[in-house]
């Protein structure tokens, strides 16, 4: 039985509590949160033990689930790792690159597992692409959200766009060559809208737009490659694949088009979307990595790489703002 302690039981932390209570082979031993009002509500609803000292909670658990605000990630993660505990931490990995670099170093030196909460890796619409041969040459992303004060302690890059940065880095097996970026602060002191172009060494180009002051919600990724177009709707949990029809294609909608090379048959398929709870699935994978001594799906190195690109984007935006 894996003993879990949750650090931070705010809005997202409560989702984690709900899911941990449903996961097998896990004992949820308690939580730590310095906010008395929030903590009292959690004790009443979940009948969980509240720890007022994070070190004491660590002494009672095998792994720490850190769902605190980003500026507390390094402090909490470092404390857990130095106490020999496995760590799940929400994205982004840390508040600064120096902190992220130190955490990667600590994990490497310690015999612990670490997973970063890039939950879109477990989104059913993205999971539906697992059996596809993705070799993107152009990626278009729109991640738009209505304004919510929660999470605005960081820029829209680290709040929203980092989800897509992680997905793209996982999808494109190449190093980043060049980044262009622009952003505008409207409601907060950091960029609330941003547009970014990432060029990779293999020729792939990704164009990302993120906004947290949109009138409507949208979380779509369009992937273009030589033999196919793949549309991933993270919000509505839908995936579409359009490509030239092959003999292996079954259960697809098809139509013919005339091309300079003659008539071609186009196949439109909607891969089966697995019925999964993304948060529960990522926590289950973290549990399995510990119990089976296997690598975590989204490692601290993955979290570091996403942060590294995100901070390059932030630097580009800051540089452009100073020079305008």
C-alpha atoms as a PDB file:
ATOM      1  CA  UNK A   1       0.000   0.000   0.000  1.00  0.00           C
ATOM      2  CA  UNK A   2       1.464   3.339  -1.107  1.00  0.00           C
ATOM      3  CA  UNK A   3       1.062   6.105   1.478  1.00  0.00           C
ATOM      4  CA  UNK A   4       0.310   9.502  -0.083  1.00  0.00           C
ATOM      5  CA  UNK A   5       0.357  12.975   1.462  1.00  0.00           C
ATOM      6  CA  UNK A   6      -1.138  15.950  -0.386  1.00  0.00           C
ATOM      7  CA  UNK A   7       0.510  19.350  -0.058  1.00  0.00           C
ATOM      8  CA  UNK A   8      -1.953  22.083  -0.989  1.00  0.00           C
ATOM      9  CA  UNK A   9      -5.698  21.472  -1.064  1.00  0.00           C
ATOM     10  CA  UNK A  10      -6.970  24.467  -2.983  1.00  0.00           C
ATOM     11  CA  UNK A  11      -9.077  24.228  -6.144  1.00  0.00           C
ATOM     12  CA  UNK A  12      -6.906  21.663  -7.951  1.00  0.00           C
ATOM     13  CA  UNK A  13      -5.794  19.971  -4.750  1.00  0.00           C
ATOM     14  CA  UNK A  14      -9.384  18.939  -4.042  1.00  0.00           C
ATOM     15  CA  UNK A  15      -9.548  17.239  -7.451  1.00  0.00           C
ATOM     16  CA  UNK A  16      -6.455  15.284  -6.442  1.00  0.00           C
ATOM     17  CA  UNK A  17      -8.029  14.316  -3.112  1.00  0.00           C
ATOM     18  CA  UNK A  18     -11.158  13.061  -4.877  1.00  0.00           C
ATOM     19  CA  UNK A  19      -9.115  10.928  -7.246  1.00  0.00           C
ATOM     20  CA  UNK A  20      -6.654   9.553  -4.703  1.00  0.00           C
ATOM     21  CA  UNK A  21      -9.601   8.260  -2.694  1.00  0.00           C
ATOM     22  CA  UNK A  22     -10.692   6.169  -5.698  1.00  0.00           C
ATOM     23  CA  UNK A  23      -7.265   4.772  -6.616  1.00  0.00           C
ATOM     24  CA  UNK A  24      -6.381   1.241  -5.555  1.00  0.00           C
ATOM     25  CA  UNK A  25      -3.295   0.326  -3.514  1.00  0.00           C
ATOM     26  CA  UNK A  26      -3.105   3.855  -2.090  1.00  0.00           C
ATOM     27  CA  UNK A  27      -3.534   5.082   1.468  1.00  0.00           C
ATOM     28  CA  UNK A  28      -4.240   8.829   1.634  1.00  0.00           C
ATOM     29  CA  UNK A  29      -2.671   9.607   5.027  1.00  0.00           C
ATOM     30  CA  UNK A  30      -3.393  13.332   5.219  1.00  0.00           C
ATOM     31  CA  UNK A  31      -2.669  16.786   3.896  1.00  0.00           C
ATOM     32  CA  UNK A  32      -0.776  19.977   4.606  1.00  0.00           C
ATOM     33  CA  UNK A  33      -2.183  23.439   3.872  1.00  0.00           C
ATOM     34  CA  UNK A  34      -1.384  26.606   5.890  1.00  0.00           C
ATOM     35  CA  UNK A  35      -4.768  28.159   5.027  1.00  0.00           C
ATOM     36  CA  UNK A  36      -6.927  27.454   8.093  1.00  0.00           C
ATOM     37  CA  UNK A  37     -10.285  28.112   6.434  1.00  0.00           C
ATOM     38  CA  UNK A  38      -9.456  25.874   3.481  1.00  0.00           C
ATOM     39  CA  UNK A  39      -7.998  23.161   5.716  1.00  0.00           C
ATOM     40  CA  UNK A  40     -11.014  23.076   8.045  1.00  0.00           C
ATOM     41  CA  UNK A  41     -13.357  22.653   5.077  1.00  0.00           C
ATOM     42  CA  UNK A  42     -11.266  19.733   3.778  1.00  0.00           C
ATOM     43  CA  UNK A  43     -11.151  18.015   7.177  1.00  0.00           C
ATOM     44  CA  UNK A  44     -14.929  18.295   7.445  1.00  0.00           C
ATOM     45  CA  UNK A  45     -15.647  17.040   3.909  1.00  0.00           C
ATOM     46  CA  UNK A  46     -12.989  14.338   3.519  1.00  0.00           C
ATOM     47  CA  UNK A  47     -12.451  13.283   7.156  1.00  0.00           C
ATOM     48  CA  UNK A  48      -8.715  13.529   6.524  1.00  0.00           C
ATOM     49  CA  UNK A  49      -6.011  14.308   9.019  1.00  0.00           C
ATOM     50  CA  UNK A  50      -4.533  17.778   8.713  1.00  0.00           C
ATOM     51  CA  UNK A  51      -0.798  18.148   9.363  1.00  0.00           C
ATOM     52  CA  UNK A  52       0.405  21.622  10.358  1.00  0.00           C
ATOM     53  CA  UNK A  53       4.062  20.663   9.849  1.00  0.00           C
ATOM     54  CA  UNK A  54       5.061  19.491   6.321  1.00  0.00           C
ATOM     55  CA  UNK A  55       7.987  17.478   7.699  1.00  0.00           C
ATOM     56  CA  UNK A  56       5.656  15.541   9.986  1.00  0.00           C
ATOM     57  CA  UNK A  57       3.409  14.668   7.027  1.00  0.00           C
ATOM     58  CA  UNK A  58       6.445  13.518   5.048  1.00  0.00           C
ATOM     59  CA  UNK A  59       7.368  11.181   7.920  1.00  0.00           C
ATOM     60  CA  UNK A  60       4.001   9.464   7.517  1.00  0.00           C
ATOM     61  CA  UNK A  61       4.013   8.994   3.719  1.00  0.00           C
ATOM     62  CA  UNK A  62       5.962   7.367   0.884  1.00  0.00           C
ATOM     63  CA  UNK A  63       5.171  10.022  -1.715  1.00  0.00           C
ATOM     64  CA  UNK A  64       4.224  13.686  -1.768  1.00  0.00           C
ATOM     65  CA  UNK A  65       1.605  15.121  -4.111  1.00  0.00           C
ATOM     66  CA  UNK A  66       2.428  18.825  -4.342  1.00  0.00           C
ATOM     67  CA  UNK A  67      -0.492  20.934  -5.572  1.00  0.00           C
ATOM     68  CA  UNK A  68       0.632  24.209  -3.993  1.00  0.00           C
ATOM     69  CA  UNK A  69       1.068  27.493  -5.937  1.00  0.00           C
ATOM     70  CA  UNK A  70       4.097  27.529  -8.247  1.00  0.00           C
ATOM     71  CA  UNK A  71       6.197  29.751  -5.990  1.00  0.00           C
ATOM     72  CA  UNK A  72       6.115  26.983  -3.328  1.00  0.00           C
ATOM     73  CA  UNK A  73       7.052  24.115  -5.650  1.00  0.00           C
ATOM     74  CA  UNK A  74      10.803  24.249  -5.099  1.00  0.00           C
ATOM     75  CA  UNK A  75      10.569  24.491  -1.312  1.00  0.00           C
ATOM     76  CA  UNK A  76       8.108  21.616  -1.049  1.00  0.00           C
ATOM     77  CA  UNK A  77       9.780  19.392  -3.665  1.00  0.00           C
ATOM     78  CA  UNK A  78      13.228  19.881  -2.185  1.00  0.00           C
ATOM     79  CA  UNK A  79      11.936  19.059   1.301  1.00  0.00           C
ATOM     80  CA  UNK A  80      10.274  15.866   0.052  1.00  0.00           C
ATOM     81  CA  UNK A  81      13.258  14.676  -2.004  1.00  0.00           C
ATOM     82  CA  UNK A  82      15.722  15.339   0.823  1.00  0.00           C
ATOM     83  CA  UNK A  83      13.472  13.209   3.028  1.00  0.00           C
ATOM     84  CA  UNK A  84      13.623  10.376   0.504  1.00  0.00           C
ATOM     85  CA  UNK A  85      10.034  10.716  -0.737  1.00  0.00           C
ATOM     86  CA  UNK A  86       8.737  10.290  -4.274  1.00  0.00           C
ATOM     87  CA  UNK A  87       7.194  13.460  -5.709  1.00  0.00           C
ATOM     88  CA  UNK A  88       4.294  14.361  -7.948  1.00  0.00           C
ATOM     89  CA  UNK A  89       4.282  18.121  -8.579  1.00  0.00           C
ATOM     90  CA  UNK A  90       1.852  20.195 -10.604  1.00  0.00           C
ATOM     91  CA  UNK A  91       3.135  22.059 -13.636  1.00  0.00           C
ATOM     92  CA  UNK A  92       5.250  24.074 -14.018  1.00  0.00           C
ATOM     93  CA  UNK A  93       8.037  22.164 -12.296  1.00  0.00           C
ATOM     94  CA  UNK A  94       9.305  25.248 -10.439  1.00  0.00           C
ATOM     95  CA  UNK A  95       9.152  29.031 -10.342  1.00  0.00           C
ATOM     96  CA  UNK A  96      12.590  29.698 -11.870  1.00  0.00           C
ATOM     97  CA  UNK A  97      15.032  27.859 -14.118  1.00  0.00           C
ATOM     98  CA  UNK A  98      17.594  27.786 -11.309  1.00  0.00           C
ATOM     99  CA  UNK A  99      15.097  26.020  -9.064  1.00  0.00           C
ATOM    100  CA  UNK A 100      14.101  23.596 -11.822  1.00  0.00           C
ATOM    101  CA  UNK A 101      17.742  22.779 -12.548  1.00  0.00           C
ATOM    102  CA  UNK A 102      18.383  22.088  -8.857  1.00  0.00           C
ATOM    103  CA  UNK A 103      15.358  19.773  -8.625  1.00  0.00           C
ATOM    104  CA  UNK A 104      16.523  17.739 -11.630  1.00  0.00           C
ATOM    105  CA  UNK A 105      19.925  17.433  -9.938  1.00  0.00           C
ATOM    106  CA  UNK A 106      18.387  16.375  -6.615  1.00  0.00           C
ATOM    107  CA  UNK A 107      16.219  13.696  -8.246  1.00  0.00           C
ATOM    108  CA  UNK A 108      19.215  12.320 -10.140  1.00  0.00           C
ATOM    109  CA  UNK A 109      21.206  12.076  -6.912  1.00  0.00           C
ATOM    110  CA  UNK A 110      18.314  10.504  -4.989  1.00  0.00           C
ATOM    111  CA  UNK A 111      16.593   7.152  -5.360  1.00  0.00           C
ATOM    112  CA  UNK A 112      13.149   8.698  -5.867  1.00  0.00           C
ATOM    113  CA  UNK A 113      10.581   9.031  -8.662  1.00  0.00           C
ATOM    114  CA  UNK A 114       9.316  12.405  -9.813  1.00  0.00           C
ATOM    115  CA  UNK A 115       6.386  13.175 -12.102  1.00  0.00           C
ATOM    116  CA  UNK A 116       5.257  16.601 -13.313  1.00  0.00           C
ATOM    117  CA  UNK A 117       1.537  17.263 -13.722  1.00  0.00           C
ATOM    118  CA  UNK A 118       1.312  17.965 -17.434  1.00  0.00           C
ATOM    119  CA  UNK A 119      -2.192  16.519 -17.436  1.00  0.00           C
ATOM    120  CA  UNK A 120      -2.842  17.033 -21.172  1.00  0.00           C
ATOM    121  CA  UNK A 121      -0.537  14.064 -21.855  1.00  0.00           C
ATOM    122  CA  UNK A 122      -3.390  12.006 -20.389  1.00  0.00           C
ATOM    123  CA  UNK A 123      -6.215  13.815 -22.172  1.00  0.00           C
ATOM    124  CA  UNK A 124      -8.402  11.203 -23.962  1.00  0.00           C
ATOM    125  CA  UNK A 125      -8.176  13.124 -27.260  1.00  0.00           C
ATOM    126  CA  UNK A 126      -4.363  12.992 -27.141  1.00  0.00           C
ATOM    127  CA  UNK A 127      -4.319   9.366 -25.999  1.00  0.00           C
ATOM    128  CA  UNK A 128      -6.341   8.547 -29.136  1.00  0.00           C
ATOM    129  CA  UNK A 129      -3.265   9.442 -31.238  1.00  0.00           C
ATOM    130  CA  UNK A 130      -1.011   6.850 -29.578  1.00  0.00           C
ATOM    131  CA  UNK A 131      -1.271   4.395 -32.477  1.00  0.00           C
ATOM    132  CA  UNK A 132      -0.704   7.037 -35.143  1.00  0.00           C
ATOM    133  CA  UNK A 133       2.673   7.662 -36.708  1.00  0.00           C
ATOM    134  CA  UNK A 134       3.063  11.341 -35.913  1.00  0.00           C
ATOM    135  CA  UNK A 135       5.815  13.111 -37.825  1.00  0.00           C
ATOM    136  CA  UNK A 136       4.608  16.720 -37.824  1.00  0.00           C
ATOM    137  CA  UNK A 137       5.979  19.385 -40.113  1.00  0.00           C
ATOM    138  CA  UNK A 138       3.586  22.140 -39.000  1.00  0.00           C
ATOM    139  CA  UNK A 139       1.577  22.461 -35.775  1.00  0.00           C
ATOM    140  CA  UNK A 140      -1.089  25.084 -35.067  1.00  0.00           C
ATOM    141  CA  UNK A 141      -2.332  25.490 -31.489  1.00  0.00           C
ATOM    142  CA  UNK A 142      -5.042  27.643 -29.902  1.00  0.00           C
ATOM    143  CA  UNK A 143      -5.515  27.513 -26.135  1.00  0.00           C
ATOM    144  CA  UNK A 144      -8.012  30.161 -25.060  1.00  0.00           C
ATOM    145  CA  UNK A 145      -9.605  30.586 -21.644  1.00  0.00           C
ATOM    146  CA  UNK A 146     -11.907  33.036 -19.933  1.00  0.00           C
ATOM    147  CA  UNK A 147     -10.281  35.174 -17.248  1.00  0.00           C
ATOM    148  CA  UNK A 148      -9.885  33.548 -13.843  1.00  0.00           C
ATOM    149  CA  UNK A 149      -7.779  35.190 -11.103  1.00  0.00           C
ATOM    150  CA  UNK A 150      -6.579  31.737 -10.002  1.00  0.00           C
ATOM    151  CA  UNK A 151      -3.180  30.947 -11.488  1.00  0.00           C
ATOM    152  CA  UNK A 152      -2.333  34.512 -12.480  1.00  0.00           C
ATOM    153  CA  UNK A 153       0.755  34.533 -10.261  1.00  0.00           C
ATOM    154  CA  UNK A 154       2.501  33.351 -13.439  1.00  0.00           C
ATOM    155  CA  UNK A 155       2.251  34.492 -17.069  1.00  0.00           C
ATOM    156  CA  UNK A 156      -0.071  32.867 -19.607  1.00  0.00           C
ATOM    157  CA  UNK A 157       3.039  31.074 -20.914  1.00  0.00           C
ATOM    158  CA  UNK A 158       3.550  29.161 -17.661  1.00  0.00           C
ATOM    159  CA  UNK A 159      -0.169  28.994 -16.874  1.00  0.00           C
ATOM    160  CA  UNK A 160      -1.645  27.733 -20.177  1.00  0.00           C
ATOM    161  CA  UNK A 161       0.840  27.532 -23.050  1.00  0.00           C
ATOM    162  CA  UNK A 162       3.215  25.232 -21.175  1.00  0.00           C
ATOM    163  CA  UNK A 163       0.675  22.397 -21.655  1.00  0.00           C
ATOM    164  CA  UNK A 164       1.097  22.653 -25.424  1.00  0.00           C
ATOM    165  CA  UNK A 165       4.851  23.181 -25.193  1.00  0.00           C
ATOM    166  CA  UNK A 166       5.137  19.861 -23.356  1.00  0.00           C
ATOM    167  CA  UNK A 167       2.912  18.052 -25.882  1.00  0.00           C
ATOM    168  CA  UNK A 168       4.857  19.466 -28.836  1.00  0.00           C
ATOM    169  CA  UNK A 169       8.251  18.604 -27.342  1.00  0.00           C
ATOM    170  CA  UNK A 170       6.968  15.066 -26.761  1.00  0.00           C
ATOM    171  CA  UNK A 171       5.642  14.874 -30.316  1.00  0.00           C
ATOM    172  CA  UNK A 172       8.513  16.492 -32.262  1.00  0.00           C
ATOM    173  CA  UNK A 173      11.675  14.470 -31.888  1.00  0.00           C
ATOM    174  CA  UNK A 174      14.049  17.341 -32.596  1.00  0.00           C
ATOM    175  CA  UNK A 175      15.812  20.191 -30.816  1.00  0.00           C
ATOM    176  CA  UNK A 176      14.492  23.751 -30.857  1.00  0.00           C
ATOM    177  CA  UNK A 177      16.289  25.923 -33.402  1.00  0.00           C
ATOM    178  CA  UNK A 178      14.627  29.326 -33.046  1.00  0.00           C
ATOM    179  CA  UNK A 179      11.794  31.015 -31.143  1.00  0.00           C
ATOM    180  CA  UNK A 180       9.844  34.159 -32.041  1.00  0.00           C
ATOM    181  CA  UNK A 181       7.297  35.522 -29.573  1.00  0.00           C
ATOM    182  CA  UNK A 182       5.067  38.447 -28.756  1.00  0.00           C
ATOM    183  CA  UNK A 183       2.727  38.993 -25.827  1.00  0.00           C
ATOM    184  CA  UNK A 184       0.579  41.574 -24.111  1.00  0.00           C
ATOM    185  CA  UNK A 185      -0.291  42.121 -20.426  1.00  0.00           C
ATOM    186  CA  UNK A 186      -3.920  43.233 -20.160  1.00  0.00           C
ATOM    187  CA  UNK A 187      -5.432  42.129 -16.841  1.00  0.00           C
ATOM    188  CA  UNK A 188      -2.265  41.303 -14.906  1.00  0.00           C
ATOM    189  CA  UNK A 189       1.380  42.367 -14.704  1.00  0.00           C
ATOM    190  CA  UNK A 190       2.514  39.517 -16.956  1.00  0.00           C
ATOM    191  CA  UNK A 191       1.454  38.541 -20.512  1.00  0.00           C
ATOM    192  CA  UNK A 192      -2.194  37.437 -20.701  1.00  0.00           C
ATOM    193  CA  UNK A 193      -2.114  36.883 -24.487  1.00  0.00           C
ATOM    194  CA  UNK A 194       0.808  35.457 -26.422  1.00  0.00           C
ATOM    195  CA  UNK A 195       1.654  34.202 -29.885  1.00  0.00           C
ATOM    196  CA  UNK A 196       4.746  32.075 -30.396  1.00  0.00           C
ATOM    197  CA  UNK A 197       6.536  30.472 -33.325  1.00  0.00           C
ATOM    198  CA  UNK A 198       8.923  27.608 -32.544  1.00  0.00           C
ATOM    199  CA  UNK A 199      11.221  26.289 -35.278  1.00  0.00           C
ATOM    200  CA  UNK A 200      12.885  22.898 -34.861  1.00  0.00           C
ATOM    201  CA  UNK A 201      16.101  21.564 -36.374  1.00  0.00           C
ATOM    202  CA  UNK A 202      14.176  18.962 -38.414  1.00  0.00           C
ATOM    203  CA  UNK A 203      12.179  21.696 -40.176  1.00  0.00           C
ATOM    204  CA  UNK A 204       8.994  21.411 -38.131  1.00  0.00           C
ATOM    205  CA  UNK A 205       7.336  24.704 -37.185  1.00  0.00           C
ATOM    206  CA  UNK A 206       4.852  25.165 -34.337  1.00  0.00           C
ATOM    207  CA  UNK A 207       2.636  28.234 -34.049  1.00  0.00           C
ATOM    208  CA  UNK A 208       1.011  28.643 -30.612  1.00  0.00           C
ATOM    209  CA  UNK A 209      -1.572  31.164 -29.432  1.00  0.00           C
ATOM    210  CA  UNK A 210      -2.649  31.334 -25.801  1.00  0.00           C
ATOM    211  CA  UNK A 211      -5.023  33.735 -24.081  1.00  0.00           C
ATOM    212  CA  UNK A 212      -6.580  33.798 -20.631  1.00  0.00           C
ATOM    213  CA  UNK A 213      -8.886  36.734 -21.414  1.00  0.00           C
ATOM    214  CA  UNK A 214     -10.888  35.186 -24.231  1.00  0.00           C
ATOM    215  CA  UNK A 215     -14.670  35.331 -24.531  1.00  0.00           C
ATOM    216  CA  UNK A 216     -14.762  31.611 -25.318  1.00  0.00           C
ATOM    217  CA  UNK A 217     -12.831  28.499 -24.394  1.00  0.00           C
ATOM    218  CA  UNK A 218     -10.746  26.605 -26.930  1.00  0.00           C
ATOM    219  CA  UNK A 219      -8.029  23.963 -26.622  1.00  0.00           C
ATOM    220  CA  UNK A 220      -7.217  22.739 -30.129  1.00  0.00           C
ATOM    221  CA  UNK A 221      -4.077  21.413 -31.782  1.00  0.00           C
ATOM    222  CA  UNK A 222      -3.804  20.844 -35.520  1.00  0.00           C
ATOM    223  CA  UNK A 223      -0.954  18.659 -36.744  1.00  0.00           C
ATOM    224  CA  UNK A 224       0.044  18.668 -40.413  1.00  0.00           C
ATOM    225  CA  UNK A 225       2.430  16.102 -41.819  1.00  0.00           C
ATOM    226  CA  UNK A 226       3.292  14.718 -45.237  1.00  0.00           C
ATOM    227  CA  UNK A 227       0.665  11.980 -45.232  1.00  0.00           C
ATOM    228  CA  UNK A 228      -2.008  13.270 -42.868  1.00  0.00           C
ATOM    229  CA  UNK A 229      -3.771  15.995 -40.937  1.00  0.00           C
ATOM    230  CA  UNK A 230      -4.578  15.298 -37.283  1.00  0.00           C
ATOM    231  CA  UNK A 231      -6.945  17.525 -35.326  1.00  0.00           C
ATOM    232  CA  UNK A 232      -6.947  17.189 -31.527  1.00  0.00           C
ATOM    233  CA  UNK A 233      -9.666  18.924 -29.519  1.00  0.00           C
ATOM    234  CA  UNK A 234      -8.520  18.715 -25.903  1.00  0.00           C
ATOM    235  CA  UNK A 235     -11.594  20.572 -24.622  1.00  0.00           C
ATOM    236  CA  UNK A 236     -14.326  18.517 -26.323  1.00  0.00           C
ATOM    237  CA  UNK A 237     -12.349  15.259 -26.320  1.00  0.00           C
ATOM    238  CA  UNK A 238     -12.428  14.687 -30.083  1.00  0.00           C
ATOM    239  CA  UNK A 239      -9.762  13.579 -32.554  1.00  0.00           C
ATOM    240  CA  UNK A 240      -9.918  13.594 -36.351  1.00  0.00           C
ATOM    241  CA  UNK A 241      -7.494  12.113 -38.865  1.00  0.00           C
ATOM    242  CA  UNK A 242      -7.619  13.008 -42.582  1.00  0.00           C
ATOM    243  CA  UNK A 243      -5.274  11.293 -45.027  1.00  0.00           C
ATOM    244  CA  UNK A 244      -5.032   9.476 -48.338  1.00  0.00           C
ATOM    245  CA  UNK A 245      -6.974   6.246 -48.025  1.00  0.00           C
ATOM    246  CA  UNK A 246      -5.011   3.019 -47.767  1.00  0.00           C
ATOM    247  CA  UNK A 247      -6.149  -0.606 -48.048  1.00  0.00           C
ATOM    248  CA  UNK A 248      -5.825  -0.931 -44.274  1.00  0.00           C
ATOM    249  CA  UNK A 249      -8.357   1.808 -43.549  1.00  0.00           C
ATOM    250  CA  UNK A 250     -11.669   0.561 -42.185  1.00  0.00           C
ATOM    251  CA  UNK A 251     -14.744   2.317 -40.793  1.00  0.00           C
ATOM    252  CA  UNK A 252     -13.827   5.650 -42.331  1.00  0.00           C
ATOM    253  CA  UNK A 253     -15.747   8.287 -44.221  1.00  0.00           C
ATOM    254  CA  UNK A 254     -14.202   8.707 -47.667  1.00  0.00           C
ATOM    255  CA  UNK A 255     -14.508  10.942 -50.690  1.00  0.00           C
ATOM    256  CA  UNK A 256     -12.645  11.437 -53.980  1.00  0.00           C
ATOM    257  CA  UNK A 257     -10.826  14.534 -55.207  1.00  0.00           C
ATOM    258  CA  UNK A 258      -9.172  15.265 -58.555  1.00  0.00           C
ATOM    259  CA  UNK A 259      -5.474  16.156 -58.359  1.00  0.00           C
ATOM    260  CA  UNK A 260      -2.741  16.796 -60.970  1.00  0.00           C
ATOM    261  CA  UNK A 261      -1.707  13.194 -60.300  1.00  0.00           C
ATOM    262  CA  UNK A 262      -5.197  11.822 -60.885  1.00  0.00           C
ATOM    263  CA  UNK A 263      -8.112  10.950 -58.640  1.00  0.00           C
ATOM    264  CA  UNK A 264      -7.288  10.384 -54.973  1.00  0.00           C
ATOM    265  CA  UNK A 265      -9.463   8.965 -52.218  1.00  0.00           C
ATOM    266  CA  UNK A 266      -9.438  10.838 -48.934  1.00  0.00           C
ATOM    267  CA  UNK A 267     -10.234   8.988 -45.705  1.00  0.00           C
ATOM    268  CA  UNK A 268     -11.622  10.768 -42.641  1.00  0.00           C
ATOM    269  CA  UNK A 269     -11.403   8.826 -39.396  1.00  0.00           C
ATOM    270  CA  UNK A 270     -12.311   9.540 -35.792  1.00  0.00           C
ATOM    271  CA  UNK A 271     -10.132   7.322 -33.594  1.00  0.00           C
ATOM    272  CA  UNK A 272     -11.862   5.839 -30.585  1.00  0.00           C
ATOM    273  CA  UNK A 273     -11.562   8.137 -27.593  1.00  0.00           C
ATOM    274  CA  UNK A 274     -10.769   6.234 -24.390  1.00  0.00           C
ATOM    275  CA  UNK A 275     -13.130   6.958 -21.511  1.00  0.00           C
ATOM    276  CA  UNK A 276     -10.634   8.068 -18.877  1.00  0.00           C
ATOM    277  CA  UNK A 277     -10.315  10.672 -16.154  1.00  0.00           C
ATOM    278  CA  UNK A 278      -7.055  12.435 -17.067  1.00  0.00           C
ATOM    279  CA  UNK A 279      -6.147  13.502 -13.516  1.00  0.00           C
ATOM    280  CA  UNK A 280      -6.898  10.067 -12.094  1.00  0.00           C
ATOM    281  CA  UNK A 281      -4.900   8.405 -14.882  1.00  0.00           C
ATOM    282  CA  UNK A 282      -1.807  10.543 -14.332  1.00  0.00           C
ATOM    283  CA  UNK A 283      -1.920   9.819 -10.597  1.00  0.00           C
ATOM    284  CA  UNK A 284      -2.329   6.094 -11.295  1.00  0.00           C
ATOM    285  CA  UNK A 285       0.723   6.154 -13.558  1.00  0.00           C
ATOM    286  CA  UNK A 286       2.677   7.876 -10.790  1.00  0.00           C
ATOM    287  CA  UNK A 287       1.579   5.128  -8.371  1.00  0.00           C
ATOM    288  CA  UNK A 288       2.578   2.425 -10.870  1.00  0.00           C
ATOM    289  CA  UNK A 289       6.007   3.970 -11.488  1.00  0.00           C
ATOM    290  CA  UNK A 290       6.728   3.753  -7.765  1.00  0.00           C
ATOM    291  CA  UNK A 291       5.274   0.300  -7.112  1.00  0.00           C
ATOM    292  CA  UNK A 292       6.773  -1.252 -10.261  1.00  0.00           C
ATOM    293  CA  UNK A 293      10.009   0.769 -10.251  1.00  0.00           C
ATOM    294  CA  UNK A 294       9.427   2.050 -13.799  1.00  0.00           C
ATOM    295  CA  UNK A 295      10.045   5.515 -15.307  1.00  0.00           C
ATOM    296  CA  UNK A 296       7.388   8.161 -14.803  1.00  0.00           C
ATOM    297  CA  UNK A 297       5.426   9.199 -17.915  1.00  0.00           C
ATOM    298  CA  UNK A 298       6.251  12.899 -17.499  1.00  0.00           C
ATOM    299  CA  UNK A 299       9.611  13.047 -15.755  1.00  0.00           C
ATOM    300  CA  UNK A 300      11.378  15.952 -14.082  1.00  0.00           C
ATOM    301  CA  UNK A 301      13.504  16.211 -17.257  1.00  0.00           C
ATOM    302  CA  UNK A 302      10.334  16.604 -19.345  1.00  0.00           C
ATOM    303  CA  UNK A 303       9.145  19.273 -16.928  1.00  0.00           C
ATOM    304  CA  UNK A 304      12.513  21.021 -17.150  1.00  0.00           C
ATOM    305  CA  UNK A 305      12.510  21.001 -20.975  1.00  0.00           C
ATOM    306  CA  UNK A 306       9.022  22.509 -21.108  1.00  0.00           C
ATOM    307  CA  UNK A 307      10.056  25.179 -18.598  1.00  0.00           C
ATOM    308  CA  UNK A 308      13.230  25.899 -20.555  1.00  0.00           C
ATOM    309  CA  UNK A 309      11.289  26.642 -23.747  1.00  0.00           C
ATOM    310  CA  UNK A 310       8.655  28.590 -21.783  1.00  0.00           C
ATOM    311  CA  UNK A 311      11.302  30.818 -20.222  1.00  0.00           C
ATOM    312  CA  UNK A 312      12.942  31.412 -23.590  1.00  0.00           C
ATOM    313  CA  UNK A 313       9.522  32.602 -24.791  1.00  0.00           C
ATOM    314  CA  UNK A 314       9.107  34.851 -21.745  1.00  0.00           C
ATOM    315  CA  UNK A 315      12.568  36.323 -22.374  1.00  0.00           C
ATOM    316  CA  UNK A 316      11.708  37.002 -26.025  1.00  0.00           C
ATOM    317  CA  UNK A 317       8.460  38.758 -25.073  1.00  0.00           C
ATOM    318  CA  UNK A 318      10.186  40.818 -22.392  1.00  0.00           C
ATOM    319  CA  UNK A 319      12.930  41.809 -24.858  1.00  0.00           C
ATOM    320  CA  UNK A 320      10.364  42.824 -27.489  1.00  0.00           C
ATOM    321  CA  UNK A 321       8.402  44.858 -24.921  1.00  0.00           C
ATOM    322  CA  UNK A 322      11.489  46.768 -23.769  1.00  0.00           C
ATOM    323  CA  UNK A 323      12.451  47.589 -27.344  1.00  0.00           C
ATOM    324  CA  UNK A 324       9.017  48.910 -28.435  1.00  0.00           C
END
